mmCIF file of all heavy atoms, coordinates in Angstrom:
data_MODEL
# 
_entry.id   MODEL 
# 
loop_
_atom_site.group_PDB 
_atom_site.id 
_atom_site.type_symbol 
_atom_site.label_atom_id 
_atom_site.label_alt_id 
_atom_site.label_comp_id 
_atom_site.label_asym_id 
_atom_site.label_entity_id 
_atom_site.label_seq_id 
_atom_site.pdbx_PDB_ins_code 
_atom_site.Cartn_x 
_atom_site.Cartn_y 
_atom_site.Cartn_z 
_atom_site.occupancy 
_atom_site.B_iso_or_equiv 
_atom_site.pdbx_formal_charge 
_atom_site.auth_seq_id 
_atom_site.auth_comp_id 
_atom_site.auth_asym_id 
_atom_site.auth_atom_id 
_atom_site.pdbx_PDB_model_num 
ATOM 1   N N   . LEU A 1 1  ? -7.483  -12.040 -1.279 1.00 0.00 ? 1  LEU A N   1 
ATOM 2   C CA  . LEU A 1 1  ? -6.520  -11.311 -0.440 1.00 0.00 ? 1  LEU A CA  1 
ATOM 3   C C   . LEU A 1 1  ? -5.577  -10.554 -1.353 1.00 0.00 ? 1  LEU A C   1 
ATOM 4   O O   . LEU A 1 1  ? -4.923  -11.150 -2.210 1.00 0.00 ? 1  LEU A O   1 
ATOM 5   C CB  . LEU A 1 1  ? -5.748  -12.291 0.441  1.00 0.00 ? 1  LEU A CB  1 
ATOM 6   C CG  . LEU A 1 1  ? -4.571  -11.739 1.246  1.00 0.00 ? 1  LEU A CG  1 
ATOM 7   C CD1 . LEU A 1 1  ? -5.047  -10.734 2.284  1.00 0.00 ? 1  LEU A CD1 1 
ATOM 8   C CD2 . LEU A 1 1  ? -3.809  -12.887 1.917  1.00 0.00 ? 1  LEU A CD2 1 
ATOM 9   N N   . THR A 1 2  ? -5.511  -9.240  -1.185 1.00 0.00 ? 2  THR A N   1 
ATOM 10  C CA  . THR A 1 2  ? -4.640  -8.395  -2.001 1.00 0.00 ? 2  THR A CA  1 
ATOM 11  C C   . THR A 1 2  ? -3.490  -7.883  -1.149 1.00 0.00 ? 2  THR A C   1 
ATOM 12  O O   . THR A 1 2  ? -3.723  -7.332  -0.067 1.00 0.00 ? 2  THR A O   1 
ATOM 13  C CB  . THR A 1 2  ? -5.420  -7.205  -2.589 1.00 0.00 ? 2  THR A CB  1 
ATOM 14  O OG1 . THR A 1 2  ? -6.498  -7.698  -3.389 1.00 0.00 ? 2  THR A OG1 1 
ATOM 15  C CG2 . THR A 1 2  ? -4.508  -6.338  -3.463 1.00 0.00 ? 2  THR A CG2 1 
ATOM 16  N N   . ASP A 1 3  ? -2.253  -8.092  -1.634 1.00 0.00 ? 3  ASP A N   1 
ATOM 17  C CA  . ASP A 1 3  ? -1.050  -7.644  -0.930 1.00 0.00 ? 3  ASP A CA  1 
ATOM 18  C C   . ASP A 1 3  ? -0.250  -6.704  -1.811 1.00 0.00 ? 3  ASP A C   1 
ATOM 19  O O   . ASP A 1 3  ? -0.031  -6.991  -3.002 1.00 0.00 ? 3  ASP A O   1 
ATOM 20  C CB  . ASP A 1 3  ? -0.172  -8.844  -0.559 1.00 0.00 ? 3  ASP A CB  1 
ATOM 21  C CG  . ASP A 1 3  ? -0.699  -9.622  0.621  1.00 0.00 ? 3  ASP A CG  1 
ATOM 22  O OD1 . ASP A 1 3  ? -0.543  -9.144  1.753  1.00 0.00 ? 3  ASP A OD1 1 
ATOM 23  O OD2 . ASP A 1 3  ? -1.275  -10.715 0.411  1.00 0.00 ? 3  ASP A OD2 1 
ATOM 24  N N   . PHE A 1 4  ? 0.242   -5.612  -1.233 1.00 0.00 ? 4  PHE A N   1 
ATOM 25  C CA  . PHE A 1 4  ? 1.104   -4.693  -1.969 1.00 0.00 ? 4  PHE A CA  1 
ATOM 26  C C   . PHE A 1 4  ? 1.846   -3.799  -0.994 1.00 0.00 ? 4  PHE A C   1 
ATOM 27  O O   . PHE A 1 4  ? 1.476   -3.687  0.181  1.00 0.00 ? 4  PHE A O   1 
ATOM 28  C CB  . PHE A 1 4  ? 0.302   -3.835  -2.955 1.00 0.00 ? 4  PHE A CB  1 
ATOM 29  C CG  . PHE A 1 4  ? -0.608  -2.824  -2.303 1.00 0.00 ? 4  PHE A CG  1 
ATOM 30  C CD1 . PHE A 1 4  ? -0.194  -1.512  -2.106 1.00 0.00 ? 4  PHE A CD1 1 
ATOM 31  C CD2 . PHE A 1 4  ? -1.877  -3.188  -1.883 1.00 0.00 ? 4  PHE A CD2 1 
ATOM 32  C CE1 . PHE A 1 4  ? -1.028  -0.573  -1.505 1.00 0.00 ? 4  PHE A CE1 1 
ATOM 33  C CE2 . PHE A 1 4  ? -2.727  -2.258  -1.269 1.00 0.00 ? 4  PHE A CE2 1 
ATOM 34  C CZ  . PHE A 1 4  ? -2.295  -0.955  -1.089 1.00 0.00 ? 4  PHE A CZ  1 
ATOM 35  N N   . MET A 1 5  ? 2.911   -3.159  -1.497 1.00 0.00 ? 5  MET A N   1 
ATOM 36  C CA  . MET A 1 5  ? 3.617   -2.130  -0.743 1.00 0.00 ? 5  MET A CA  1 
ATOM 37  C C   . MET A 1 5  ? 3.660   -0.859  -1.593 1.00 0.00 ? 5  MET A C   1 
ATOM 38  O O   . MET A 1 5  ? 4.065   -0.918  -2.764 1.00 0.00 ? 5  MET A O   1 
ATOM 39  C CB  . MET A 1 5  ? 5.054   -2.549  -0.444 1.00 0.00 ? 5  MET A CB  1 
ATOM 40  C CG  . MET A 1 5  ? 5.193   -3.678  0.541  1.00 0.00 ? 5  MET A CG  1 
ATOM 41  S SD  . MET A 1 5  ? 6.944   -3.919  0.969  1.00 0.00 ? 5  MET A SD  1 
ATOM 42  C CE  . MET A 1 5  ? 6.885   -5.623  1.516  1.00 0.00 ? 5  MET A CE  1 
ATOM 43  N N   . PRO A 1 6  ? 3.256   0.277   -1.041 1.00 0.00 ? 6  PRO A N   1 
ATOM 44  C CA  . PRO A 1 6  ? 3.428   1.532   -1.776 1.00 0.00 ? 6  PRO A CA  1 
ATOM 45  C C   . PRO A 1 6  ? 4.900   1.761   -2.086 1.00 0.00 ? 6  PRO A C   1 
ATOM 46  O O   . PRO A 1 6  ? 5.779   1.414   -1.290 1.00 0.00 ? 6  PRO A O   1 
ATOM 47  C CB  . PRO A 1 6  ? 2.899   2.587   -0.799 1.00 0.00 ? 6  PRO A CB  1 
ATOM 48  C CG  . PRO A 1 6  ? 1.992   1.839   0.111  1.00 0.00 ? 6  PRO A CG  1 
ATOM 49  C CD  . PRO A 1 6  ? 2.600   0.475   0.253  1.00 0.00 ? 6  PRO A CD  1 
ATOM 50  N N   . VAL A 1 7  ? 5.168   2.343   -3.239 1.00 0.00 ? 7  VAL A N   1 
ATOM 51  C CA  . VAL A 1 7  ? 6.547   2.524   -3.701 1.00 0.00 ? 7  VAL A CA  1 
ATOM 52  C C   . VAL A 1 7  ? 7.103   3.813   -3.128 1.00 0.00 ? 7  VAL A C   1 
ATOM 53  O O   . VAL A 1 7  ? 6.689   4.914   -3.501 1.00 0.00 ? 7  VAL A O   1 
ATOM 54  C CB  . VAL A 1 7  ? 6.627   2.525   -5.234 1.00 0.00 ? 7  VAL A CB  1 
ATOM 55  C CG1 . VAL A 1 7  ? 8.066   2.681   -5.691 1.00 0.00 ? 7  VAL A CG1 1 
ATOM 56  C CG2 . VAL A 1 7  ? 6.030   1.232   -5.779 1.00 0.00 ? 7  VAL A CG2 1 
ATOM 57  N N   . VAL A 1 8  ? 8.028   3.680   -2.212 1.00 0.00 ? 8  VAL A N   1 
ATOM 58  C CA  . VAL A 1 8  ? 8.593   4.820   -1.496 1.00 0.00 ? 8  VAL A CA  1 
ATOM 59  C C   . VAL A 1 8  ? 9.203   5.811   -2.475 1.00 0.00 ? 8  VAL A C   1 
ATOM 60  O O   . VAL A 1 8  ? 9.964   5.449   -3.373 1.00 0.00 ? 8  VAL A O   1 
ATOM 61  C CB  . VAL A 1 8  ? 9.664   4.345   -0.502 1.00 0.00 ? 8  VAL A CB  1 
ATOM 62  C CG1 . VAL A 1 8  ? 10.305  5.533   0.209  1.00 0.00 ? 8  VAL A CG1 1 
ATOM 63  C CG2 . VAL A 1 8  ? 9.060   3.383   0.504  1.00 0.00 ? 8  VAL A CG2 1 
ATOM 64  N N   . GLY A 1 9  ? 8.854   7.103   -2.313 1.00 0.00 ? 9  GLY A N   1 
ATOM 65  C CA  . GLY A 1 9  ? 9.453   8.145   -3.130 1.00 0.00 ? 9  GLY A CA  1 
ATOM 66  C C   . GLY A 1 9  ? 8.852   8.304   -4.503 1.00 0.00 ? 9  GLY A C   1 
ATOM 67  O O   . GLY A 1 9  ? 9.231   9.199   -5.258 1.00 0.00 ? 9  GLY A O   1 
ATOM 68  N N   . GLU A 1 10 ? 7.887   7.457   -4.867 1.00 0.00 ? 10 GLU A N   1 
ATOM 69  C CA  . GLU A 1 10 ? 7.315   7.526   -6.203 1.00 0.00 ? 10 GLU A CA  1 
ATOM 70  C C   . GLU A 1 10 ? 5.853   7.968   -6.195 1.00 0.00 ? 10 GLU A C   1 
ATOM 71  O O   . GLU A 1 10 ? 5.344   8.433   -7.197 1.00 0.00 ? 10 GLU A O   1 
ATOM 72  C CB  . GLU A 1 10 ? 7.414   6.142   -6.886 1.00 0.00 ? 10 GLU A CB  1 
ATOM 73  C CG  . GLU A 1 10 ? 8.843   5.634   -7.037 1.00 0.00 ? 10 GLU A CG  1 
ATOM 74  C CD  . GLU A 1 10 ? 9.651   6.447   -8.034 1.00 0.00 ? 10 GLU A CD  1 
ATOM 75  O OE1 . GLU A 1 10 ? 9.056   7.201   -8.815 1.00 0.00 ? 10 GLU A OE1 1 
ATOM 76  O OE2 . GLU A 1 10 ? 10.894  6.341   -8.002 1.00 0.00 ? 10 GLU A OE2 1 
ATOM 77  N N   . GLN A 1 11 ? 5.155   7.790   -5.092 1.00 0.00 ? 11 GLN A N   1 
ATOM 78  C CA  . GLN A 1 11 ? 3.740   8.133   -5.013 1.00 0.00 ? 11 GLN A CA  1 
ATOM 79  C C   . GLN A 1 11 ? 3.573   9.376   -4.136 1.00 0.00 ? 11 GLN A C   1 
ATOM 80  O O   . GLN A 1 11 ? 2.996   9.349   -3.054 1.00 0.00 ? 11 GLN A O   1 
ATOM 81  C CB  . GLN A 1 11 ? 2.947   6.936   -4.473 1.00 0.00 ? 11 GLN A CB  1 
ATOM 82  C CG  . GLN A 1 11 ? 3.000   5.741   -5.429 1.00 0.00 ? 11 GLN A CG  1 
ATOM 83  C CD  . GLN A 1 11 ? 2.510   4.454   -4.800 1.00 0.00 ? 11 GLN A CD  1 
ATOM 84  O OE1 . GLN A 1 11 ? 3.002   3.399   -5.102 1.00 0.00 ? 11 GLN A OE1 1 
ATOM 85  N NE2 . GLN A 1 11 ? 1.519   4.517   -3.919 1.00 0.00 ? 11 GLN A NE2 1 
ATOM 86  N N   . GLN A 1 12 ? 4.104   10.487  -4.629 1.00 0.00 ? 12 GLN A N   1 
ATOM 87  C CA  . GLN A 1 12 ? 4.204   11.695  -3.809 1.00 0.00 ? 12 GLN A CA  1 
ATOM 88  C C   . GLN A 1 12 ? 2.860   12.387  -3.596 1.00 0.00 ? 12 GLN A C   1 
ATOM 89  O O   . GLN A 1 12 ? 2.741   13.253  -2.743 1.00 0.00 ? 12 GLN A O   1 
ATOM 90  C CB  . GLN A 1 12 ? 5.187   12.670  -4.469 1.00 0.00 ? 12 GLN A CB  1 
ATOM 91  C CG  . GLN A 1 12 ? 6.595   12.123  -4.625 1.00 0.00 ? 12 GLN A CG  1 
ATOM 92  C CD  . GLN A 1 12 ? 7.305   11.915  -3.299 1.00 0.00 ? 12 GLN A CD  1 
ATOM 93  O OE1 . GLN A 1 12 ? 6.782   12.245  -2.252 1.00 0.00 ? 12 GLN A OE1 1 
ATOM 94  N NE2 . GLN A 1 12 ? 8.497   11.354  -3.345 1.00 0.00 ? 12 GLN A NE2 1 
ATOM 95  N N   . THR A 1 13 ? 1.839   12.013  -4.349 1.00 0.00 ? 13 THR A N   1 
ATOM 96  C CA  . THR A 1 13 ? 0.550   12.677  -4.187 1.00 0.00 ? 13 THR A CA  1 
ATOM 97  C C   . THR A 1 13 ? -0.187  12.203  -2.945 1.00 0.00 ? 13 THR A C   1 
ATOM 98  O O   . THR A 1 13 ? -1.182  12.788  -2.542 1.00 0.00 ? 13 THR A O   1 
ATOM 99  C CB  . THR A 1 13 ? -0.338  12.420  -5.418 1.00 0.00 ? 13 THR A CB  1 
ATOM 100 O OG1 . THR A 1 13 ? -0.519  11.000  -5.573 1.00 0.00 ? 13 THR A OG1 1 
ATOM 101 C CG2 . THR A 1 13 ? 0.302   12.992  -6.671 1.00 0.00 ? 13 THR A CG2 1 
ATOM 102 N N   . LEU A 1 14 ? 0.335   11.118  -2.317 1.00 0.00 ? 14 LEU A N   1 
ATOM 103 C CA  . LEU A 1 14 ? -0.326  10.577  -1.136 1.00 0.00 ? 14 LEU A CA  1 
ATOM 104 C C   . LEU A 1 14 ? 0.625   10.614  0.055  1.00 0.00 ? 14 LEU A C   1 
ATOM 105 O O   . LEU A 1 14 ? 1.820   10.438  -0.086 1.00 0.00 ? 14 LEU A O   1 
ATOM 106 C CB  . LEU A 1 14 ? -0.772  9.135   -1.399 1.00 0.00 ? 14 LEU A CB  1 
ATOM 107 C CG  . LEU A 1 14 ? -1.811  8.953   -2.519 1.00 0.00 ? 14 LEU A CG  1 
ATOM 108 C CD1 . LEU A 1 14 ? -1.994  7.479   -2.808 1.00 0.00 ? 14 LEU A CD1 1 
ATOM 109 C CD2 . LEU A 1 14 ? -3.136  9.585   -2.132 1.00 0.00 ? 14 LEU A CD2 1 
ATOM 110 N N   . ASP A 1 15 ? 0.053   10.845  1.229  1.00 0.00 ? 15 ASP A N   1 
ATOM 111 C CA  . ASP A 1 15 ? 0.834   10.836  2.467  1.00 0.00 ? 15 ASP A CA  1 
ATOM 112 C C   . ASP A 1 15 ? 0.932   9.391   2.938  1.00 0.00 ? 15 ASP A C   1 
ATOM 113 O O   . ASP A 1 15 ? -0.040  8.818   3.440  1.00 0.00 ? 15 ASP A O   1 
ATOM 114 C CB  . ASP A 1 15 ? 0.141   11.705  3.520  1.00 0.00 ? 15 ASP A CB  1 
ATOM 115 C CG  . ASP A 1 15 ? 0.963   11.796  4.792  1.00 0.00 ? 15 ASP A CG  1 
ATOM 116 O OD1 . ASP A 1 15 ? 2.168   11.470  4.746  1.00 0.00 ? 15 ASP A OD1 1 
ATOM 117 O OD2 . ASP A 1 15 ? 0.387   12.179  5.831  1.00 0.00 ? 15 ASP A OD2 1 
ATOM 118 N N   . ILE A 1 16 ? 2.101   8.760   2.758  1.00 0.00 ? 16 ILE A N   1 
ATOM 119 C CA  . ILE A 1 16 ? 2.209   7.336   3.026  1.00 0.00 ? 16 ILE A CA  1 
ATOM 120 C C   . ILE A 1 16 ? 3.264   7.049   4.082  1.00 0.00 ? 16 ILE A C   1 
ATOM 121 O O   . ILE A 1 16 ? 4.210   7.811   4.270  1.00 0.00 ? 16 ILE A O   1 
ATOM 122 C CB  . ILE A 1 16 ? 2.563   6.542   1.744  1.00 0.00 ? 16 ILE A CB  1 
ATOM 123 C CG1 . ILE A 1 16 ? 3.979   6.905   1.258  1.00 0.00 ? 16 ILE A CG1 1 
ATOM 124 C CG2 . ILE A 1 16 ? 1.544   6.781   0.665  1.00 0.00 ? 16 ILE A CG2 1 
ATOM 125 C CD1 . ILE A 1 16 ? 4.452   6.064   0.103  1.00 0.00 ? 16 ILE A CD1 1 
ATOM 126 N N   . ALA A 1 17 ? 3.063   5.927   4.780  1.00 0.00 ? 17 ALA A N   1 
ATOM 127 C CA  . ALA A 1 17 ? 4.100   5.418   5.657  1.00 0.00 ? 17 ALA A CA  1 
ATOM 128 C C   . ALA A 1 17 ? 5.187   4.803   4.786  1.00 0.00 ? 17 ALA A C   1 
ATOM 129 O O   . ALA A 1 17 ? 4.903   4.100   3.818  1.00 0.00 ? 17 ALA A O   1 
ATOM 130 C CB  . ALA A 1 17 ? 3.512   4.368   6.597  1.00 0.00 ? 17 ALA A CB  1 
ATOM 131 N N   . GLU A 1 18 ? 6.442   5.073   5.111  1.00 0.00 ? 18 GLU A N   1 
ATOM 132 C CA  . GLU A 1 18 ? 7.528   4.678   4.217  1.00 0.00 ? 18 GLU A CA  1 
ATOM 133 C C   . GLU A 1 18 ? 7.705   3.177   4.121  1.00 0.00 ? 18 GLU A C   1 
ATOM 134 O O   . GLU A 1 18 ? 8.038   2.652   3.074  1.00 0.00 ? 18 GLU A O   1 
ATOM 135 C CB  . GLU A 1 18 ? 8.842   5.329   4.663  1.00 0.00 ? 18 GLU A CB  1 
ATOM 136 C CG  . GLU A 1 18 ? 8.934   6.792   4.324  1.00 0.00 ? 18 GLU A CG  1 
ATOM 137 C CD  . GLU A 1 18 ? 10.363  7.282   4.312  1.00 0.00 ? 18 GLU A CD  1 
ATOM 138 O OE1 . GLU A 1 18 ? 11.256  6.512   4.688  1.00 0.00 ? 18 GLU A OE1 1 
ATOM 139 O OE2 . GLU A 1 18 ? 10.578  8.431   3.912  1.00 0.00 ? 18 GLU A OE2 1 
ATOM 140 N N   . HIS A 1 19 ? 7.537   2.452   5.206  1.00 0.00 ? 19 HIS A N   1 
ATOM 141 C CA  . HIS A 1 19 ? 7.773   1.019   5.209  1.00 0.00 ? 19 HIS A CA  1 
ATOM 142 C C   . HIS A 1 19 ? 6.491   0.327   5.657  1.00 0.00 ? 19 HIS A C   1 
ATOM 143 O O   . HIS A 1 19 ? 6.272   0.117   6.853  1.00 0.00 ? 19 HIS A O   1 
ATOM 144 C CB  . HIS A 1 19 ? 8.930   0.661   6.137  1.00 0.00 ? 19 HIS A CB  1 
ATOM 145 C CG  . HIS A 1 19 ? 10.191  1.400   5.815  1.00 0.00 ? 19 HIS A CG  1 
ATOM 146 N ND1 . HIS A 1 19 ? 10.929  1.148   4.687  1.00 0.00 ? 19 HIS A ND1 1 
ATOM 147 C CD2 . HIS A 1 19 ? 10.826  2.394   6.467  1.00 0.00 ? 19 HIS A CD2 1 
ATOM 148 C CE1 . HIS A 1 19 ? 11.988  1.949   4.656  1.00 0.00 ? 19 HIS A CE1 1 
ATOM 149 N NE2 . HIS A 1 19 ? 11.933  2.715   5.730  1.00 0.00 ? 19 HIS A NE2 1 
ATOM 150 N N   . ALA A 1 20 ? 5.636   -0.014  4.702  1.00 0.00 ? 20 ALA A N   1 
ATOM 151 C CA  . ALA A 1 20 ? 4.323   -0.535  5.050  1.00 0.00 ? 20 ALA A CA  1 
ATOM 152 C C   . ALA A 1 20 ? 3.902   -1.628  4.077  1.00 0.00 ? 20 ALA A C   1 
ATOM 153 O O   . ALA A 1 20 ? 4.188   -1.573  2.881  1.00 0.00 ? 20 ALA A O   1 
ATOM 154 C CB  . ALA A 1 20 ? 3.279   0.578   5.060  1.00 0.00 ? 20 ALA A CB  1 
ATOM 155 N N   . LEU A 1 21 ? 3.229   -2.631  4.605  1.00 0.00 ? 21 LEU A N   1 
ATOM 156 C CA  . LEU A 1 21 ? 2.618   -3.691  3.820  1.00 0.00 ? 21 LEU A CA  1 
ATOM 157 C C   . LEU A 1 21 ? 1.108   -3.582  4.001  1.00 0.00 ? 21 LEU A C   1 
ATOM 158 O O   . LEU A 1 21 ? 0.602   -3.593  5.125  1.00 0.00 ? 21 LEU A O   1 
ATOM 159 C CB  . LEU A 1 21 ? 3.106   -5.060  4.308  1.00 0.00 ? 21 LEU A CB  1 
ATOM 160 C CG  . LEU A 1 21 ? 2.399   -6.291  3.721  1.00 0.00 ? 21 LEU A CG  1 
ATOM 161 C CD1 . LEU A 1 21 ? 2.658   -6.402  2.225  1.00 0.00 ? 21 LEU A CD1 1 
ATOM 162 C CD2 . LEU A 1 21 ? 2.841   -7.558  4.446  1.00 0.00 ? 21 LEU A CD2 1 
ATOM 163 N N   . TYR A 1 22 ? 0.398   -3.457  2.878  1.00 0.00 ? 22 TYR A N   1 
ATOM 164 C CA  . TYR A 1 22 ? -1.050  -3.333  2.891  1.00 0.00 ? 22 TYR A CA  1 
ATOM 165 C C   . TYR A 1 22 ? -1.661  -4.676  2.491  1.00 0.00 ? 22 TYR A C   1 
ATOM 166 O O   . TYR A 1 22 ? -1.264  -5.282  1.479  1.00 0.00 ? 22 TYR A O   1 
ATOM 167 C CB  . TYR A 1 22 ? -1.509  -2.275  1.891  1.00 0.00 ? 22 TYR A CB  1 
ATOM 168 C CG  . TYR A 1 22 ? -1.250  -0.847  2.307  1.00 0.00 ? 22 TYR A CG  1 
ATOM 169 C CD1 . TYR A 1 22 ? 0.043   -0.367  2.477  1.00 0.00 ? 22 TYR A CD1 1 
ATOM 170 C CD2 . TYR A 1 22 ? -2.300  0.034   2.523  1.00 0.00 ? 22 TYR A CD2 1 
ATOM 171 C CE1 . TYR A 1 22 ? 0.287   0.943   2.851  1.00 0.00 ? 22 TYR A CE1 1 
ATOM 172 C CE2 . TYR A 1 22 ? -2.077  1.358   2.895  1.00 0.00 ? 22 TYR A CE2 1 
ATOM 173 C CZ  . TYR A 1 22 ? -0.779  1.803   3.057  1.00 0.00 ? 22 TYR A CZ  1 
ATOM 174 O OH  . TYR A 1 22 ? -0.547  3.101   3.420  1.00 0.00 ? 22 TYR A OH  1 
ATOM 175 N N   . ARG A 1 23 ? -2.642  -5.126  3.272  1.00 0.00 ? 23 ARG A N   1 
ATOM 176 C CA  . ARG A 1 23 ? -3.324  -6.388  3.000  1.00 0.00 ? 23 ARG A CA  1 
ATOM 177 C C   . ARG A 1 23 ? -4.836  -6.142  3.087  1.00 0.00 ? 23 ARG A C   1 
ATOM 178 O O   . ARG A 1 23 ? -5.342  -5.671  4.109  1.00 0.00 ? 23 ARG A O   1 
ATOM 179 C CB  . ARG A 1 23 ? -2.915  -7.476  3.989  1.00 0.00 ? 23 ARG A CB  1 
ATOM 180 C CG  . ARG A 1 23 ? -1.414  -7.557  4.257  1.00 0.00 ? 23 ARG A CG  1 
ATOM 181 C CD  . ARG A 1 23 ? -1.046  -8.852  4.956  1.00 0.00 ? 23 ARG A CD  1 
ATOM 182 N NE  . ARG A 1 23 ? -1.055  -9.972  4.001  1.00 0.00 ? 23 ARG A NE  1 
ATOM 183 C CZ  . ARG A 1 23 ? -1.001  -11.247 4.353  1.00 0.00 ? 23 ARG A CZ  1 
ATOM 184 N NH1 . ARG A 1 23 ? -0.982  -11.575 5.640  1.00 0.00 ? 23 ARG A NH1 1 
ATOM 185 N NH2 . ARG A 1 23 ? -1.005  -12.202 3.429  1.00 0.00 ? 23 ARG A NH2 1 
ATOM 186 N N   . ARG A 1 24 ? -5.550  -6.453  2.023  1.00 0.00 ? 24 ARG A N   1 
ATOM 187 C CA  . ARG A 1 24 ? -7.008  -6.321  2.028  1.00 0.00 ? 24 ARG A CA  1 
ATOM 188 C C   . ARG A 1 24 ? -7.622  -7.665  1.658  1.00 0.00 ? 24 ARG A C   1 
ATOM 189 O O   . ARG A 1 24 ? -7.208  -8.292  0.677  1.00 0.00 ? 24 ARG A O   1 
ATOM 190 C CB  . ARG A 1 24 ? -7.476  -5.273  1.019  1.00 0.00 ? 24 ARG A CB  1 
ATOM 191 C CG  . ARG A 1 24 ? -8.996  -5.045  1.050  1.00 0.00 ? 24 ARG A CG  1 
ATOM 192 C CD  . ARG A 1 24 ? -9.477  -4.232  -0.125 1.00 0.00 ? 24 ARG A CD  1 
ATOM 193 N NE  . ARG A 1 24 ? -9.394  -4.996  -1.369 1.00 0.00 ? 24 ARG A NE  1 
ATOM 194 C CZ  . ARG A 1 24 ? -9.783  -4.535  -2.563 1.00 0.00 ? 24 ARG A CZ  1 
ATOM 195 N NH1 . ARG A 1 24 ? -10.237 -3.299  -2.657 1.00 0.00 ? 24 ARG A NH1 1 
ATOM 196 N NH2 . ARG A 1 24 ? -9.689  -5.291  -3.643 1.00 0.00 ? 24 ARG A NH2 1 
ATOM 197 N N   . VAL A 1 25 ? -8.593  -8.106  2.421  1.00 0.00 ? 25 VAL A N   1 
ATOM 198 C CA  . VAL A 1 25 ? -9.308  -9.332  2.078  1.00 0.00 ? 25 VAL A CA  1 
ATOM 199 C C   . VAL A 1 25 ? -10.776 -8.978  1.871  1.00 0.00 ? 25 VAL A C   1 
ATOM 200 O O   . VAL A 1 25 ? -11.385 -8.280  2.687  1.00 0.00 ? 25 VAL A O   1 
ATOM 201 C CB  . VAL A 1 25 ? -9.114  -10.428 3.152  1.00 0.00 ? 25 VAL A CB  1 
ATOM 202 C CG1 . VAL A 1 25 ? -9.632  -9.991  4.500  1.00 0.00 ? 25 VAL A CG1 1 
ATOM 203 C CG2 . VAL A 1 25 ? -9.737  -11.737 2.700  1.00 0.00 ? 25 VAL A CG2 1 
ATOM 204 N N   . GLU A 1 26 ? -11.334 -9.441  0.742  1.00 0.00 ? 26 GLU A N   1 
ATOM 205 C CA  . GLU A 1 26 ? -12.707 -9.112  0.366  1.00 0.00 ? 26 GLU A CA  1 
ATOM 206 C C   . GLU A 1 26 ? -13.441 -10.386 -0.006 1.00 0.00 ? 26 GLU A C   1 
ATOM 207 O O   . GLU A 1 26 ? -12.917 -11.230 -0.748 1.00 0.00 ? 26 GLU A O   1 
ATOM 208 C CB  . GLU A 1 26 ? -12.716 -8.139  -0.809 1.00 0.00 ? 26 GLU A CB  1 
ATOM 209 C CG  . GLU A 1 26 ? -14.113 -7.746  -1.261 1.00 0.00 ? 26 GLU A CG  1 
ATOM 210 C CD  . GLU A 1 26 ? -14.103 -6.704  -2.379 1.00 0.00 ? 26 GLU A CD  1 
ATOM 211 O OE1 . GLU A 1 26 ? -13.000 -6.422  -2.903 1.00 0.00 ? 26 GLU A OE1 1 
ATOM 212 O OE2 . GLU A 1 26 ? -15.177 -6.194  -2.720 1.00 0.00 ? 26 GLU A OE2 1 
ATOM 213 N N   . CYS A 1 27 ? -14.651 -10.527 0.473  1.00 0.00 ? 27 CYS A N   1 
ATOM 214 C CA  . CYS A 1 27 ? -15.481 -11.679 0.145  1.00 0.00 ? 27 CYS A CA  1 
ATOM 215 C C   . CYS A 1 27 ? -16.123 -11.464 -1.224 1.00 0.00 ? 27 CYS A C   1 
ATOM 216 O O   . CYS A 1 27 ? -16.747 -10.428 -1.478 1.00 0.00 ? 27 CYS A O   1 
ATOM 217 C CB  . CYS A 1 27 ? -16.560 -11.881 1.213  1.00 0.00 ? 27 CYS A CB  1 
ATOM 218 S SG  . CYS A 1 27 ? -17.638 -13.296 0.915  1.00 0.00 ? 27 CYS A SG  1 
ATOM 219 N N   . GLY A 1 28 ? -15.961 -12.462 -2.074 1.00 0.00 ? 28 GLY A N   1 
ATOM 220 C CA  . GLY A 1 28 ? -16.521 -12.351 -3.418 1.00 0.00 ? 28 GLY A CA  1 
ATOM 221 C C   . GLY A 1 28 ? -17.897 -12.949 -3.544 1.00 0.00 ? 28 GLY A C   1 
ATOM 222 O O   . GLY A 1 28 ? -18.804 -12.353 -4.127 1.00 0.00 ? 28 GLY A O   1 
# 
């Protein structure tokens, strides 16, 4: 399970939601 939040105002090359938590789960 991978958790992160995009850094607001720093990743300008991508169109991002300002207040977001991303969670990805991958079977190994």
